All heavy atoms as atom14 arrays in JSON, in Angstrom:
{
  "sequence": "NPFVDQIFGVRAYPSLADVPEPLDMVNVFRPSADALDVVKAAVEIGAR",
  "atom14_mask": [
    [1, 1, 1, 1, 1, 1, 1, 1, 0, 0, 0, 0, 0, 0],
    [1, 1, 1, 1, 1, 1, 1, 0, 0, 0, 0, 0, 0, 0],
    [1, 1, 1, 1, 1, 1, 1, 1, 1, 1, 1, 0, 0, 0],
    [1, 1, 1, 1, 1, 1, 1, 0, 0, 0, 0, 0, 0, 0],
    [1, 1, 1, 1, 1, 1, 1, 1, 0, 0, 0, 0, 0, 0],
    [1, 1, 1, 1, 1, 1, 1, 1, 1, 0, 0, 0, 0, 0],
    [1, 1, 1, 1, 1, 1, 1, 1, 0, 0, 0, 0, 0, 0],
    [1, 1, 1, 1, 1, 1, 1, 1, 1, 1, 1, 0, 0, 0],
    [1, 1, 1, 1, 0, 0, 0, 0, 0, 0, 0, 0, 0, 0],
    [1, 1, 1, 1, 1, 1, 1, 0, 0, 0, 0, 0, 0, 0],
    [1, 1, 1, 1, 1, 1, 1, 1, 1, 1, 1, 0, 0, 0],
    [1, 1, 1, 1, 1, 0, 0, 0, 0, 0, 0, 0, 0, 0],
    [1, 1, 1, 1, 1, 1, 1, 1, 1, 1, 1, 1, 0, 0],
    [1, 1, 1, 1, 1, 1, 1, 0, 0, 0, 0, 0, 0, 0],
    [1, 1, 1, 1, 1, 1, 0, 0, 0, 0, 0, 0, 0, 0],
    [1, 1, 1, 1, 1, 1, 1, 1, 0, 0, 0, 0, 0, 0],
    [1, 1, 1, 1, 1, 0, 0, 0, 0, 0, 0, 0, 0, 0],
    [1, 1, 1, 1, 1, 1, 1, 1, 0, 0, 0, 0, 0, 0],
    [1, 1, 1, 1, 1, 1, 1, 0, 0, 0, 0, 0, 0, 0],
    [1, 1, 1, 1, 1, 1, 1, 0, 0, 0, 0, 0, 0, 0],
    [1, 1, 1, 1, 1, 1, 1, 1, 1, 0, 0, 0, 0, 0],
    [1, 1, 1, 1, 1, 1, 1, 0, 0, 0, 0, 0, 0, 0],
    [1, 1, 1, 1, 1, 1, 1, 1, 0, 0, 0, 0, 0, 0],
    [1, 1, 1, 1, 1, 1, 1, 1, 0, 0, 0, 0, 0, 0],
    [1, 1, 1, 1, 1, 1, 1, 1, 0, 0, 0, 0, 0, 0],
    [1, 1, 1, 1, 1, 1, 1, 0, 0, 0, 0, 0, 0, 0],
    [1, 1, 1, 1, 1, 1, 1, 1, 0, 0, 0, 0, 0, 0],
    [1, 1, 1, 1, 1, 1, 1, 0, 0, 0, 0, 0, 0, 0],
    [1, 1, 1, 1, 1, 1, 1, 1, 1, 1, 1, 0, 0, 0],
    [1, 1, 1, 1, 1, 1, 1, 1, 1, 1, 1, 0, 0, 0],
    [1, 1, 1, 1, 1, 1, 1, 0, 0, 0, 0, 0, 0, 0],
    [1, 1, 1, 1, 1, 1, 0, 0, 0, 0, 0, 0, 0, 0],
    [1, 1, 1, 1, 1, 0, 0, 0, 0, 0, 0, 0, 0, 0],
    [1, 1, 1, 1, 1, 1, 1, 1, 0, 0, 0, 0, 0, 0],
    [1, 1, 1, 1, 1, 0, 0, 0, 0, 0, 0, 0, 0, 0],
    [1, 1, 1, 1, 1, 1, 1, 1, 0, 0, 0, 0, 0, 0],
    [1, 1, 1, 1, 1, 1, 1, 1, 0, 0, 0, 0, 0, 0],
    [1, 1, 1, 1, 1, 1, 1, 0, 0, 0, 0, 0, 0, 0],
    [1, 1, 1, 1, 1, 1, 1, 0, 0, 0, 0, 0, 0, 0],
    [1, 1, 1, 1, 1, 1, 1, 1, 1, 0, 0, 0, 0, 0],
    [1, 1, 1, 1, 1, 0, 0, 0, 0, 0, 0, 0, 0, 0],
    [1, 1, 1, 1, 1, 0, 0, 0, 0, 0, 0, 0, 0, 0],
    [1, 1, 1, 1, 1, 1, 1, 0, 0, 0, 0, 0, 0, 0],
    [1, 1, 1, 1, 1, 1, 1, 1, 1, 0, 0, 0, 0, 0],
    [1, 1, 1, 1, 1, 1, 1, 1, 0, 0, 0, 0, 0, 0],
    [1, 1, 1, 1, 0, 0, 0, 0, 0, 0, 0, 0, 0, 0],
    [1, 1, 1, 1, 1, 0, 0, 0, 0, 0, 0, 0, 0, 0],
    [1, 1, 1, 1, 1, 1, 1, 1, 1, 1, 1, 0, 0, 0]
  ],
  "atom14_positions": [
    [[0.87, -1.17, 0.0], [0.0, 0.0, 0.0], [0.91, 1.22, 0.0], [1.67, 1.42, 0.96], [-0.9, -0.01, 1.24], [-1.85, 1.17, 1.28], [-1.51, 2.28, 0.9], [-3.05, 0.92, 1.78], [0.0, 0.0, 0.0], [0.0, 0.0, 0.0], [0.0, 0.0, 0.0], [0.0, 0.0, 0.0], [0.0, 0.0, 0.0], [0.0, 0.0, 0.0]],
    [[0.86, 2.04, -1.06], [1.79, 3.17, -1.15], [1.5, 4.32, -0.18], [2.29, 5.26, -0.1], [1.62, 3.64, -2.6], [0.25, 3.22, -2.97], [0.0, 1.93, -2.22], [0.0, 0.0, 0.0], [0.0, 0.0, 0.0], [0.0, 0.0, 0.0], [0.0, 0.0, 0.0], [0.0, 0.0, 0.0], [0.0, 0.0, 0.0], [0.0, 0.0, 0.0]],
    [[0.43, 4.25, 0.57], [0.02, 5.36, 1.41], [0.31, 5.17, 2.91], [-0.01, 6.04, 3.7], [-1.47, 5.66, 1.21], [-1.79, 5.93, -0.23], [-2.49, 5.0, -0.98], [-1.35, 7.09, -0.85], [-2.77, 5.23, -2.31], [-1.63, 7.33, -2.19], [-2.33, 6.4, -2.92], [0.0, 0.0, 0.0], [0.0, 0.0, 0.0], [0.0, 0.0, 0.0]],
    [[0.87, 4.01, 3.28], [1.14, 3.74, 4.71], [2.51, 3.1, 4.87], [3.04, 2.51, 3.93], [0.06, 2.82, 5.32], [-1.3, 3.47, 5.28], [0.01, 1.47, 4.65], [0.0, 0.0, 0.0], [0.0, 0.0, 0.0], [0.0, 0.0, 0.0], [0.0, 0.0, 0.0], [0.0, 0.0, 0.0], [0.0, 0.0, 0.0], [0.0, 0.0, 0.0]],
    [[3.06, 3.21, 6.07], [4.34, 2.59, 6.38], [4.16, 1.19, 6.97], [5.02, 0.32, 6.8], [5.14, 3.44, 7.37], [5.57, 4.76, 6.78], [5.82, 4.82, 5.55], [5.65, 5.75, 7.53], [0.0, 0.0, 0.0], [0.0, 0.0, 0.0], [0.0, 0.0, 0.0], [0.0, 0.0, 0.0], [0.0, 0.0, 0.0], [0.0, 0.0, 0.0]],
    [[3.04, 0.99, 7.7], [2.78, -0.29, 8.36], [1.3, -0.59, 8.37], [0.47, 0.32, 8.45], [3.24, -0.26, 9.82], [4.69, -0.34, 10.05], [5.0, -0.57, 11.53], [4.12, -0.81, 12.35], [6.27, -0.51, 11.87], [0.0, 0.0, 0.0], [0.0, 0.0, 0.0], [0.0, 0.0, 0.0], [0.0, 0.0, 0.0], [0.0, 0.0, 0.0]],
    [[0.99, -1.88, 8.32], [-0.36, -2.39, 8.54], [-0.18, -3.67, 9.33], [0.71, -4.48, 9.03], [-1.12, -2.66, 7.22], [-1.22, -1.4, 6.38], [-2.51, -3.22, 7.51], [-1.85, -1.61, 5.0], [0.0, 0.0, 0.0], [0.0, 0.0, 0.0], [0.0, 0.0, 0.0], [0.0, 0.0, 0.0], [0.0, 0.0, 0.0], [0.0, 0.0, 0.0]],
    [[-1.0, -3.9, 10.33], [-0.91, -5.08, 11.21], [0.43, -5.12, 11.95], [0.89, -6.19, 12.32], [-1.09, -6.4, 10.45], [-2.09, -6.4, 9.34], [-1.7, -6.65, 8.04], [-3.42, -6.14, 9.59], [-2.62, -6.65, 7.0], [-4.35, -6.13, 8.55], [-3.95, -6.39, 7.26], [0.0, 0.0, 0.0], [0.0, 0.0, 0.0], [0.0, 0.0, 0.0]],
    [[1.09, -3.98, 12.11], [2.4, -3.95, 12.73], [3.51, -4.48, 11.83], [4.61, -4.76, 12.28], [0.0, 0.0, 0.0], [0.0, 0.0, 0.0], [0.0, 0.0, 0.0], [0.0, 0.0, 0.0], [0.0, 0.0, 0.0], [0.0, 0.0, 0.0], [0.0, 0.0, 0.0], [0.0, 0.0, 0.0], [0.0, 0.0, 0.0], [0.0, 0.0, 0.0]],
    [[3.22, -4.61, 10.55], [4.17, -5.14, 9.57], [4.5, -4.04, 8.57], [3.62, -3.28, 8.15], [3.54, -6.35, 8.82], [4.45, -6.87, 7.74], [3.17, -7.45, 9.81], [0.0, 0.0, 0.0], [0.0, 0.0, 0.0], [0.0, 0.0, 0.0], [0.0, 0.0, 0.0], [0.0, 0.0, 0.0], [0.0, 0.0, 0.0], [0.0, 0.0, 0.0]],
    [[5.75, -3.96, 8.17], [6.15, -2.96, 7.18], [5.34, -3.14, 5.9], [5.19, -4.25, 5.39], [7.63, -3.09, 6.87], [8.05, -2.07, 5.83], [9.5, -2.12, 5.52], [9.76, -1.16, 4.44], [10.89, -1.09, 3.79], [11.89, -1.89, 4.1], [11.04, -0.23, 2.82], [0.0, 0.0, 0.0], [0.0, 0.0, 0.0], [0.0, 0.0, 0.0]],
    [[4.83, -2.04, 5.37], [4.11, -2.04, 4.1], [5.05, -1.51, 3.02], [5.87, -0.63, 3.27], [2.86, -1.19, 4.18], [0.0, 0.0, 0.0], [0.0, 0.0, 0.0], [0.0, 0.0, 0.0], [0.0, 0.0, 0.0], [0.0, 0.0, 0.0], [0.0, 0.0, 0.0], [0.0, 0.0, 0.0], [0.0, 0.0, 0.0], [0.0, 0.0, 0.0]],
    [[4.92, -2.03, 1.81], [5.73, -1.61, 0.68], [4.85, -0.86, -0.31], [3.67, -1.18, -0.47], [6.38, -2.82, 0.02], [7.38, -3.48, 0.94], [6.99, -4.49, 1.8], [8.7, -3.05, 0.97], [7.89, -5.08, 2.67], [9.61, -3.63, 1.84], [9.2, -4.64, 2.68], [10.11, -5.21, 3.56], [0.0, 0.0, 0.0], [0.0, 0.0, 0.0]],
    [[5.42, 0.12, -1.02], [4.61, 0.91, -1.95], [4.18, 0.15, -3.21], [3.17, 0.5, -3.82], [5.5, 2.09, -2.31], [6.85, 1.8, -1.8], [6.75, 0.66, -0.83], [0.0, 0.0, 0.0], [0.0, 0.0, 0.0], [0.0, 0.0, 0.0], [0.0, 0.0, 0.0], [0.0, 0.0, 0.0], [0.0, 0.0, 0.0], [0.0, 0.0, 0.0]],
    [[4.93, -0.89, -3.61], [4.57, -1.65, -4.82], [5.14, -3.05, -4.71], [6.0, -3.33, -3.86], [5.13, -0.98, -6.07], [6.54, -1.15, -6.12], [0.0, 0.0, 0.0], [0.0, 0.0, 0.0], [0.0, 0.0, 0.0], [0.0, 0.0, 0.0], [0.0, 0.0, 0.0], [0.0, 0.0, 0.0], [0.0, 0.0, 0.0], [0.0, 0.0, 0.0]],
    [[4.69, -3.94, -5.58], [5.23, -5.3, -5.61], [6.74, -5.29, -5.87], [7.49, -6.06, -5.28], [4.55, -6.14, -6.69], [3.15, -6.64, -6.4], [2.59, -7.39, -7.61], [3.13, -7.53, -5.17], [0.0, 0.0, 0.0], [0.0, 0.0, 0.0], [0.0, 0.0, 0.0], [0.0, 0.0, 0.0], [0.0, 0.0, 0.0], [0.0, 0.0, 0.0]],
    [[7.17, -4.4, -6.75], [8.6, -4.32, -7.09], [9.47, -3.95, -5.89], [10.66, -4.26, -5.88], [8.81, -3.31, -8.22], [0.0, 0.0, 0.0], [0.0, 0.0, 0.0], [0.0, 0.0, 0.0], [0.0, 0.0, 0.0], [0.0, 0.0, 0.0], [0.0, 0.0, 0.0], [0.0, 0.0, 0.0], [0.0, 0.0, 0.0], [0.0, 0.0, 0.0]],
    [[8.87, -3.34, -4.88], [9.63, -2.93, -3.69], [9.76, -4.03, -2.64], [10.54, -3.89, -1.71], [8.98, -1.7, -3.06], [9.07, -0.49, -3.96], [10.17, -0.18, -4.44], [8.01, 0.15, -4.19], [0.0, 0.0, 0.0], [0.0, 0.0, 0.0], [0.0, 0.0, 0.0], [0.0, 0.0, 0.0], [0.0, 0.0, 0.0], [0.0, 0.0, 0.0]],
    [[9.0, -5.1, -2.78], [9.08, -6.2, -1.81], [10.42, -6.91, -2.03], [10.67, -7.41, -3.13], [7.9, -7.18, -1.97], [8.04, -8.35, -0.99], [6.56, -6.46, -1.76], [0.0, 0.0, 0.0], [0.0, 0.0, 0.0], [0.0, 0.0, 0.0], [0.0, 0.0, 0.0], [0.0, 0.0, 0.0], [0.0, 0.0, 0.0], [0.0, 0.0, 0.0]],
    [[11.29, -6.95, -1.0], [12.67, -7.4, -1.18], [12.87, -8.91, -1.07], [13.94, -9.36, -0.63], [13.41, -6.67, -0.07], [12.41, -6.6, 1.04], [11.08, -6.4, 0.34], [0.0, 0.0, 0.0], [0.0, 0.0, 0.0], [0.0, 0.0, 0.0], [0.0, 0.0, 0.0], [0.0, 0.0, 0.0], [0.0, 0.0, 0.0], [0.0, 0.0, 0.0]],
    [[11.9, -9.69, -1.45], [12.04, -11.14, -1.37], [11.15, -11.78, -2.44], [10.28, -11.13, -2.99], [11.66, -11.64, 0.02], [10.23, -11.34, 0.4], [9.93, -11.73, 1.84], [10.24, -10.96, 2.75], [9.39, -12.83, 2.03], [0.0, 0.0, 0.0], [0.0, 0.0, 0.0], [0.0, 0.0, 0.0], [0.0, 0.0, 0.0], [0.0, 0.0, 0.0]],
    [[11.39, -13.06, -2.7], [10.53, -13.74, -3.69], [9.06, -13.71, -3.24], [8.77, -13.76, -2.04], [11.07, -15.17, -3.7], [12.46, -15.07, -3.17], [12.44, -13.93, -2.19], [0.0, 0.0, 0.0], [0.0, 0.0, 0.0], [0.0, 0.0, 0.0], [0.0, 0.0, 0.0], [0.0, 0.0, 0.0], [0.0, 0.0, 0.0], [0.0, 0.0, 0.0]],
    [[8.17, -13.62, -4.21], [6.74, -13.54, -3.91], [6.11, -14.92, -3.95], [6.14, -15.59, -4.98], [6.04, -12.62, -4.92], [6.6, -11.2, -5.05], [5.81, -10.41, -6.07], [6.63, -10.5, -3.71], [0.0, 0.0, 0.0], [0.0, 0.0, 0.0], [0.0, 0.0, 0.0], [0.0, 0.0, 0.0], [0.0, 0.0, 0.0], [0.0, 0.0, 0.0]],
    [[5.55, -15.32, -2.83], [4.86, -16.6, -2.75], [3.5, -16.44, -3.42], [3.33, -16.75, -4.58], [4.74, -17.0, -1.28], [4.53, -18.49, -1.06], [4.44, -19.24, -2.05], [4.46, -18.89, 0.11], [0.0, 0.0, 0.0], [0.0, 0.0, 0.0], [0.0, 0.0, 0.0], [0.0, 0.0, 0.0], [0.0, 0.0, 0.0], [0.0, 0.0, 0.0]],
    [[2.53, -15.88, -2.72], [1.22, -15.58, -3.31], [1.02, -14.07, -3.35], [1.28, -13.39, -2.37], [0.08, -16.19, -2.49], [-1.3, -15.78, -3.01], [-2.65, -16.07, -1.85], [-2.75, -17.85, -1.93], [0.0, 0.0, 0.0], [0.0, 0.0, 0.0], [0.0, 0.0, 0.0], [0.0, 0.0, 0.0], [0.0, 0.0, 0.0], [0.0, 0.0, 0.0]],
    [[0.53, -13.58, -4.47], [0.1, -12.19, -4.58], [-1.42, -12.19, -4.49], [-2.1, -12.78, -5.33], [0.58, -11.53, -5.9], [-0.04, -10.15, -6.05], [2.1, -11.46, -5.93], [0.0, 0.0, 0.0], [0.0, 0.0, 0.0], [0.0, 0.0, 0.0], [0.0, 0.0, 0.0], [0.0, 0.0, 0.0], [0.0, 0.0, 0.0], [0.0, 0.0, 0.0]],
    [[-1.95, -11.56, -3.44], [-3.38, -11.46, -3.19], [-3.81, -10.05, -3.54], [-3.25, -9.08, -3.03], [-3.65, -11.8, -1.72], [-5.09, -11.69, -1.33], [-5.41, -11.13, -0.29], [-6.0, -12.23, -2.12], [0.0, 0.0, 0.0], [0.0, 0.0, 0.0], [0.0, 0.0, 0.0], [0.0, 0.0, 0.0], [0.0, 0.0, 0.0], [0.0, 0.0, 0.0]],
    [[-4.82, -9.91, -4.4], [-5.2, -8.61, -4.95], [-6.52, -8.11, -4.38], [-7.56, -8.76, -4.54], [-5.28, -8.68, -6.5], [-5.63, -7.32, -7.07], [-3.97, -9.2, -7.08], [0.0, 0.0, 0.0], [0.0, 0.0, 0.0], [0.0, 0.0, 0.0], [0.0, 0.0, 0.0], [0.0, 0.0, 0.0], [0.0, 0.0, 0.0], [0.0, 0.0, 0.0]],
    [[-6.45, -6.97, -3.71], [-7.61, -6.24, -3.21], [-7.68, -4.9, -3.93], [-7.65, -3.84, -3.32], [-7.48, -5.98, -1.71], [-7.96, -7.08, -0.83], [-7.06, -8.0, -0.33], [-9.29, -7.21, -0.5], [-7.48, -9.01, 0.5], [-9.73, -8.23, 0.34], [-8.81, -9.14, 0.84], [0.0, 0.0, 0.0], [0.0, 0.0, 0.0], [0.0, 0.0, 0.0]],
    [[-7.74, -4.91, -5.23], [-7.85, -3.72, -6.06], [-9.03, -3.93, -7.01], [-9.4, -5.07, -7.27], [-6.56, -3.49, -6.86], [-5.31, -3.26, -6.02], [-5.3, -1.95, -5.27], [-5.49, -0.84, -6.2], [-6.24, 0.22, -5.95], [-6.85, 0.36, -4.8], [-6.37, 1.16, -6.85], [0.0, 0.0, 0.0], [0.0, 0.0, 0.0], [0.0, 0.0, 0.0]],
    [[-9.59, -2.86, -7.55], [-10.7, -3.02, -8.49], [-10.31, -3.89, -9.7], [-9.13, -3.92, -10.09], [-11.0, -1.59, -8.93], [-10.46, -0.72, -7.84], [-9.26, -1.45, -7.3], [0.0, 0.0, 0.0], [0.0, 0.0, 0.0], [0.0, 0.0, 0.0], [0.0, 0.0, 0.0], [0.0, 0.0, 0.0], [0.0, 0.0, 0.0], [0.0, 0.0, 0.0]],
    [[-11.29, -4.53, -10.28], [-11.04, -5.4, -11.44], [-10.26, -4.68, -12.53], [-9.39, -5.27, -13.17], [-12.37, -5.91, -12.01], [-12.99, -6.78, -11.1], [0.0, 0.0, 0.0], [0.0, 0.0, 0.0], [0.0, 0.0, 0.0], [0.0, 0.0, 0.0], [0.0, 0.0, 0.0], [0.0, 0.0, 0.0], [0.0, 0.0, 0.0], [0.0, 0.0, 0.0]],
    [[-10.55, -3.4, -12.75], [-9.86, -2.64, -13.79], [-8.36, -2.49, -13.52], [-7.57, -2.34, -14.45], [-10.49, -1.26, -13.94], [0.0, 0.0, 0.0], [0.0, 0.0, 0.0], [0.0, 0.0, 0.0], [0.0, 0.0, 0.0], [0.0, 0.0, 0.0], [0.0, 0.0, 0.0], [0.0, 0.0, 0.0], [0.0, 0.0, 0.0], [0.0, 0.0, 0.0]],
    [[-7.96, -2.55, -12.25], [-6.55, -2.44, -11.88], [-5.83, -3.78, -11.84], [-4.61, -3.83, -11.72], [-6.41, -1.79, -10.49], [-6.93, -0.37, -10.44], [-7.15, 0.24, -11.51], [-7.11, 0.15, -9.32], [0.0, 0.0, 0.0], [0.0, 0.0, 0.0], [0.0, 0.0, 0.0], [0.0, 0.0, 0.0], [0.0, 0.0, 0.0], [0.0, 0.0, 0.0]],
    [[-6.58, -4.86, -11.89], [-6.0, -6.19, -11.7], [-4.96, -6.54, -12.76], [-3.95, -7.17, -12.44], [-7.1, -7.25, -11.67], [0.0, 0.0, 0.0], [0.0, 0.0, 0.0], [0.0, 0.0, 0.0], [0.0, 0.0, 0.0], [0.0, 0.0, 0.0], [0.0, 0.0, 0.0], [0.0, 0.0, 0.0], [0.0, 0.0, 0.0], [0.0, 0.0, 0.0]],
    [[-5.17, -6.14, -14.0], [-4.22, -6.48, -15.05], [-2.83, -5.92, -14.75], [-1.83, -6.62, -14.89], [-4.71, -6.01, -16.42], [-3.78, -6.34, -17.6], [-3.54, -7.84, -17.72], [-4.35, -5.76, -18.88], [0.0, 0.0, 0.0], [0.0, 0.0, 0.0], [0.0, 0.0, 0.0], [0.0, 0.0, 0.0], [0.0, 0.0, 0.0], [0.0, 0.0, 0.0]],
    [[-2.76, -4.67, -14.32], [-1.46, -4.08, -14.0], [-0.78, -4.82, -12.83], [0.43, -5.03, -12.85], [-1.59, -2.59, -13.67], [-1.88, -1.76, -14.91], [-1.56, -2.21, -16.04], [-2.44, -0.65, -14.75], [0.0, 0.0, 0.0], [0.0, 0.0, 0.0], [0.0, 0.0, 0.0], [0.0, 0.0, 0.0], [0.0, 0.0, 0.0], [0.0, 0.0, 0.0]],
    [[-1.56, -5.2, -11.84], [-1.0, -5.93, -10.7], [-0.49, -7.3, -11.16], [0.61, -7.72, -10.8], [-2.03, -6.09, -9.57], [-1.47, -6.96, -8.44], [-2.47, -4.74, -9.03], [0.0, 0.0, 0.0], [0.0, 0.0, 0.0], [0.0, 0.0, 0.0], [0.0, 0.0, 0.0], [0.0, 0.0, 0.0], [0.0, 0.0, 0.0], [0.0, 0.0, 0.0]],
    [[-1.28, -7.97, -11.99], [-0.87, -9.29, -12.48], [0.37, -9.18, -13.37], [1.27, -10.01, -13.28], [-2.04, -10.01, -13.18], [-1.58, -11.27, -13.89], [-3.13, -10.34, -12.15], [0.0, 0.0, 0.0], [0.0, 0.0, 0.0], [0.0, 0.0, 0.0], [0.0, 0.0, 0.0], [0.0, 0.0, 0.0], [0.0, 0.0, 0.0], [0.0, 0.0, 0.0]],
    [[0.43, -8.15, -14.21], [1.64, -7.95, -15.02], [2.87, -7.84, -14.12], [3.91, -8.47, -14.38], [1.52, -6.68, -15.87], [0.66, -6.83, -17.09], [0.59, -5.5, -17.85], [-0.33, -5.6, -19.05], [-0.48, -4.31, -19.74], [0.0, 0.0, 0.0], [0.0, 0.0, 0.0], [0.0, 0.0, 0.0], [0.0, 0.0, 0.0], [0.0, 0.0, 0.0]],
    [[2.78, -7.04, -13.08], [3.91, -6.87, -12.15], [4.24, -8.19, -11.46], [5.41, -8.54, -11.31], [3.58, -5.79, -11.12], [0.0, 0.0, 0.0], [0.0, 0.0, 0.0], [0.0, 0.0, 0.0], [0.0, 0.0, 0.0], [0.0, 0.0, 0.0], [0.0, 0.0, 0.0], [0.0, 0.0, 0.0], [0.0, 0.0, 0.0], [0.0, 0.0, 0.0]],
    [[3.22, -8.93, -11.05], [3.44, -10.21, -10.37], [4.12, -11.21, -11.29], [5.03, -11.94, -10.88], [2.1, -10.77, -9.87], [0.0, 0.0, 0.0], [0.0, 0.0, 0.0], [0.0, 0.0, 0.0], [0.0, 0.0, 0.0], [0.0, 0.0, 0.0], [0.0, 0.0, 0.0], [0.0, 0.0, 0.0], [0.0, 0.0, 0.0], [0.0, 0.0, 0.0]],
    [[3.71, -11.24, -12.55], [4.33, -12.14, -13.53], [5.79, -11.74, -13.76], [6.68, -12.6, -13.76], [3.54, -12.15, -14.85], [4.31, -12.84, -15.96], [2.17, -12.82, -14.65], [0.0, 0.0, 0.0], [0.0, 0.0, 0.0], [0.0, 0.0, 0.0], [0.0, 0.0, 0.0], [0.0, 0.0, 0.0], [0.0, 0.0, 0.0], [0.0, 0.0, 0.0]],
    [[6.03, -10.45, -13.93], [7.4, -9.96, -14.17], [8.34, -10.33, -13.02], [9.5, -10.64, -13.23], [7.4, -8.44, -14.36], [6.84, -8.0, -15.69], [6.72, -6.48, -15.8], [7.34, -5.76, -14.98], [6.0, -6.03, -16.71], [0.0, 0.0, 0.0], [0.0, 0.0, 0.0], [0.0, 0.0, 0.0], [0.0, 0.0, 0.0], [0.0, 0.0, 0.0]],
    [[7.83, -10.28, -11.8], [8.64, -10.54, -10.62], [8.76, -12.05, -10.34], [9.63, -12.48, -9.61], [8.05, -9.79, -9.41], [8.19, -8.29, -9.62], [8.71, -10.19, -8.11], [7.4, -7.44, -8.68], [0.0, 0.0, 0.0], [0.0, 0.0, 0.0], [0.0, 0.0, 0.0], [0.0, 0.0, 0.0], [0.0, 0.0, 0.0], [0.0, 0.0, 0.0]],
    [[7.89, -12.84, -10.94], [7.96, -14.29, -10.75], [7.17, -14.81, -9.57], [7.59, -15.76, -8.89], [0.0, 0.0, 0.0], [0.0, 0.0, 0.0], [0.0, 0.0, 0.0], [0.0, 0.0, 0.0], [0.0, 0.0, 0.0], [0.0, 0.0, 0.0], [0.0, 0.0, 0.0], [0.0, 0.0, 0.0], [0.0, 0.0, 0.0], [0.0, 0.0, 0.0]],
    [[6.0, -14.23, -9.31], [5.14, -14.71, -8.22], [4.8, -16.19, -8.43], [4.62, -16.64, -9.56], [3.85, -13.89, -8.16], [0.0, 0.0, 0.0], [0.0, 0.0, 0.0], [0.0, 0.0, 0.0], [0.0, 0.0, 0.0], [0.0, 0.0, 0.0], [0.0, 0.0, 0.0], [0.0, 0.0, 0.0], [0.0, 0.0, 0.0], [0.0, 0.0, 0.0]],
    [[4.71, -16.93, -7.34], [4.38, -18.36, -7.42], [2.89, -18.59, -7.68], [2.52, -19.6, -8.27], [4.8, -19.08, -6.15], [6.32, -19.24, -6.07], [6.77, -20.11, -4.9], [6.0, -21.34, -4.84], [5.47, -21.82, -3.71], [5.61, -21.2, -2.58], [4.79, -22.95, -3.72], [0.0, 0.0, 0.0], [0.0, 0.0, 0.0], [0.0, 0.0, 0.0]]
  ]
}
């Protein structure tokens, strides 16, 4: 979430590309119209 530093007491990252480790599951809570961009990023990064 690009608008916060933490959620649930856990560091939040502004984008998938900023997550500093391999992505296990990418779970999407964005509108359907935004899903393609999120999936493109997840594919590029190699999400499982």
